[in-house]
Amino acid sequence: MEEKDEPSKKIEPEEEKKREIDLNVLFPPKGYDLNRLFPDEGTKKLLYELRRNKRDIDRFIKSLRVEEE
């Protein structure tokens, strides 16, 4: 069983590397090079997830407002 788990773990990081996160595109330009300020891939992924979660929360709140009316 352990041998089957290892190859699947190797595939996931390769897929993540293919999709590089560009923070300057993700967040509107503020006069800073966000990719240079946050070079760590873990931090970039965290910021990407935060942005995505905020978008999902905003959609949820909008759906609640529609139901109230």
C-alpha atoms as a PDB file:
ATOM      1  CA  MET A   1       0.000   0.000   0.000  1.00  0.00           C
ATOM      2  CA  GLU A   2       2.795   2.439   0.789  1.00  0.00           C
ATOM      3  CA  GLU A   3       4.241   2.128  -2.706  1.00  0.00           C
ATOM      4  CA  LYS A   4       0.933   3.205  -4.271  1.00  0.00           C
ATOM      5  CA  ASP A   5       0.749   6.348  -2.129  1.00  0.00           C
ATOM      6  CA  GLU A   6       4.206   7.612  -3.071  1.00  0.00           C
ATOM      7  CA  PRO A   7       3.705   7.989  -6.854  1.00  0.00           C
ATOM      8  CA  SER A   8       0.484   9.956  -6.386  1.00  0.00           C
ATOM      9  CA  LYS A   9       2.303  12.383  -4.076  1.00  0.00           C
ATOM     10  CA  LYS A  10       4.946  12.979  -6.742  1.00  0.00           C
ATOM     11  CA  ILE A  11       2.361  13.904  -9.373  1.00  0.00           C
ATOM     12  CA  GLU A  12       0.604  16.586  -7.298  1.00  0.00           C
ATOM     13  CA  PRO A  13       3.613  18.920  -6.797  1.00  0.00           C
ATOM     14  CA  GLU A  14       4.419  18.744 -10.517  1.00  0.00           C
ATOM     15  CA  GLU A  15       0.883  19.861 -11.369  1.00  0.00           C
ATOM     16  CA  GLU A  16       1.129  22.770  -8.920  1.00  0.00           C
ATOM     17  CA  LYS A  17       4.392  23.948 -10.494  1.00  0.00           C
ATOM     18  CA  LYS A  18       2.718  24.135 -13.905  1.00  0.00           C
ATOM     19  CA  ARG A  19       0.214  26.678 -12.609  1.00  0.00           C
ATOM     20  CA  GLU A  20       2.353  29.502 -11.256  1.00  0.00           C
ATOM     21  CA  ILE A  21       0.435  32.098  -9.277  1.00  0.00           C
ATOM     22  CA  ASP A  22       0.967  35.697 -10.407  1.00  0.00           C
ATOM     23  CA  LEU A  23       0.046  37.918  -7.477  1.00  0.00           C
ATOM     24  CA  ASN A  24       0.221  41.069  -9.606  1.00  0.00           C
ATOM     25  CA  VAL A  25      -2.640  39.718 -11.729  1.00  0.00           C
ATOM     26  CA  LEU A  26      -4.567  38.346  -8.761  1.00  0.00           C
ATOM     27  CA  PHE A  27      -4.585  41.661  -6.894  1.00  0.00           C
ATOM     28  CA  PRO A  28      -4.967  45.008  -8.667  1.00  0.00           C
ATOM     29  CA  PRO A  29      -1.707  46.943  -9.052  1.00  0.00           C
ATOM     30  CA  LYS A  30      -0.832  48.924  -5.940  1.00  0.00           C
ATOM     31  CA  GLY A  31       2.559  50.160  -7.083  1.00  0.00           C
ATOM     32  CA  TYR A  32       4.349  47.155  -5.613  1.00  0.00           C
ATOM     33  CA  ASP A  33       5.746  44.053  -7.273  1.00  0.00           C
ATOM     34  CA  LEU A  34       3.844  41.524  -5.180  1.00  0.00           C
ATOM     35  CA  ASN A  35       5.692  38.590  -6.720  1.00  0.00           C
ATOM     36  CA  ARG A  36       8.961  40.064  -5.487  1.00  0.00           C
ATOM     37  CA  LEU A  37       7.545  40.878  -2.042  1.00  0.00           C
ATOM     38  CA  PHE A  38       6.190  37.340  -1.631  1.00  0.00           C
ATOM     39  CA  PRO A  39       8.563  35.011  -3.513  1.00  0.00           C
ATOM     40  CA  ASP A  40       7.651  31.933  -1.444  1.00  0.00           C
ATOM     41  CA  GLU A  41       5.281  29.594  -3.304  1.00  0.00           C
ATOM     42  CA  GLY A  42       3.520  28.673  -0.050  1.00  0.00           C
ATOM     43  CA  THR A  43       2.698  32.316   0.621  1.00  0.00           C
ATOM     44  CA  LYS A  44       1.499  32.803  -2.949  1.00  0.00           C
ATOM     45  CA  LYS A  45      -0.765  29.784  -2.630  1.00  0.00           C
ATOM     46  CA  LEU A  46      -2.117  31.059   0.705  1.00  0.00           C
ATOM     47  CA  LEU A  47      -2.929  34.473  -0.788  1.00  0.00           C
ATOM     48  CA  TYR A  48      -4.574  32.797  -3.787  1.00  0.00           C
ATOM     49  CA  GLU A  49      -6.744  30.670  -1.494  1.00  0.00           C
ATOM     50  CA  LEU A  50      -7.688  33.717   0.590  1.00  0.00           C
ATOM     51  CA  ARG A  51      -8.751  35.590  -2.541  1.00  0.00           C
ATOM     52  CA  ARG A  52     -10.798  32.615  -3.727  1.00  0.00           C
ATOM     53  CA  ASN A  53     -12.442  32.170  -0.321  1.00  0.00           C
ATOM     54  CA  LYS A  54     -13.342  35.868  -0.186  1.00  0.00           C
ATOM     55  CA  ARG A  55     -14.982  35.606  -3.586  1.00  0.00           C
ATOM     56  CA  ASP A  56     -16.988  32.558  -2.459  1.00  0.00           C
ATOM     57  CA  ILE A  57     -18.082  34.334   0.735  1.00  0.00           C
ATOM     58  CA  ASP A  58     -19.161  37.406  -1.241  1.00  0.00           C
ATOM     59  CA  ARG A  59     -21.261  35.216  -3.537  1.00  0.00           C
ATOM     60  CA  PHE A  60     -22.860  33.533  -0.528  1.00  0.00           C
ATOM     61  CA  ILE A  61     -23.737  36.898   1.052  1.00  0.00           C
ATOM     62  CA  LYS A  62     -25.251  38.124  -2.229  1.00  0.00           C
ATOM     63  CA  SER A  63     -27.406  35.002  -2.422  1.00  0.00           C
ATOM     64  CA  LEU A  64     -28.674  35.683   1.101  1.00  0.00           C
ATOM     65  CA  ARG A  65     -29.601  39.255   0.183  1.00  0.00           C
ATOM     66  CA  VAL A  66     -31.578  38.072  -2.840  1.00  0.00           C
ATOM     67  CA  GLU A  67     -33.560  35.625  -0.705  1.00  0.00           C
ATOM     68  CA  GLU A  68     -34.353  38.330   1.885  1.00  0.00           C
ATOM     69  CA  GLU A  69     -35.917  40.606  -0.747  1.00  0.00           C
END
